[in-house]
Amino acid sequence: MGSRYSHEGMGNIWSDQAYWNFALRVELAVVGAKRKLGLIDVSSGDFDAAFSVGIDSAEIDRIE
């Protein structure tokens, strides 16, 4: 969304960074559910460490 036409708060909600943070939360929820159902084997340490992952949307843009 163009910064000229949006309030900073609304612009943050629709930013690329917010998109990727939400996508990560969805993926972690899926992994957690599959782990709980016994469909995948992920150690507690690895699963807990995944929540501390940071996402750099600028780096994603560069790679894509």
Protein backbone atom coordinates (compact mmCIF):
# COMPACT_ATOMS: atom_id res chain seq x y z
CA MET A 1 0.00 0.00 0.00
CA GLY A 2 1.39 3.39 -0.88
CA SER A 3 2.64 5.24 2.16
CA ARG A 4 1.25 8.47 0.75
CA TYR A 5 -2.33 7.21 1.06
CA SER A 6 -2.23 5.15 4.23
CA HIS A 7 -1.87 5.75 7.92
CA GLU A 8 1.38 4.28 9.30
CA GLY A 9 -0.49 1.77 11.46
CA MET A 10 -2.54 0.45 8.55
CA GLY A 11 0.52 0.38 6.34
CA ASN A 12 2.28 -1.80 8.91
CA ILE A 13 -0.62 -4.26 8.95
CA TRP A 14 -0.38 -4.72 5.18
CA SER A 15 3.42 -4.67 4.95
CA ASP A 16 5.51 -7.48 3.49
CA GLN A 17 7.06 -8.00 6.92
CA ALA A 18 3.63 -8.54 8.50
CA TYR A 19 2.70 -10.96 5.71
CA TRP A 20 5.78 -13.12 6.24
CA ASN A 21 5.44 -13.03 10.04
CA PHE A 22 1.85 -14.26 9.70
CA ALA A 23 2.88 -16.94 7.19
CA LEU A 24 5.48 -18.18 9.69
CA ARG A 25 2.87 -18.32 12.46
CA VAL A 26 0.60 -20.40 10.21
CA GLU A 27 3.39 -22.82 9.32
CA LEU A 28 4.36 -23.22 12.99
CA ALA A 29 0.72 -23.92 13.88
CA VAL A 30 0.56 -26.63 11.20
CA VAL A 31 3.79 -28.23 12.44
CA GLY A 32 2.52 -28.07 16.02
CA ALA A 33 -0.76 -29.76 15.08
CA LYS A 34 0.97 -32.49 13.07
CA ARG A 35 3.41 -33.03 15.93
CA LYS A 36 0.55 -33.30 18.43
CA LEU A 37 -1.19 -35.88 16.20
CA GLY A 38 2.03 -37.88 15.94
CA LEU A 39 2.28 -37.38 12.18
CA ILE A 40 5.78 -35.92 12.40
CA ASP A 41 8.60 -36.29 14.88
CA VAL A 42 10.06 -32.94 15.94
CA SER A 43 11.98 -32.60 19.18
CA SER A 44 10.68 -30.11 21.73
CA GLY A 45 13.92 -28.14 21.53
CA ASP A 46 13.74 -27.79 17.75
CA PHE A 47 10.07 -26.87 17.86
CA ASP A 48 10.57 -24.26 20.59
CA ALA A 49 13.60 -22.82 18.76
CA ALA A 50 11.48 -22.28 15.65
CA PHE A 51 9.49 -19.61 17.50
CA SER A 52 12.60 -17.45 17.83
CA VAL A 53 13.20 -17.34 14.08
CA GLY A 54 13.33 -13.88 12.59
CA ILE A 55 12.16 -13.05 9.10
CA ASP A 56 13.81 -10.44 6.91
CA SER A 57 11.31 -9.48 4.22
CA ALA A 58 13.96 -7.45 2.37
CA GLU A 59 16.09 -10.60 2.06
CA ILE A 60 13.08 -12.56 0.79
CA ASP A 61 12.46 -9.86 -1.84
CA ARG A 62 16.12 -10.02 -2.86
CA ILE A 63 16.02 -13.81 -3.29
CA GLU A 64 12.71 -13.89 -5.14
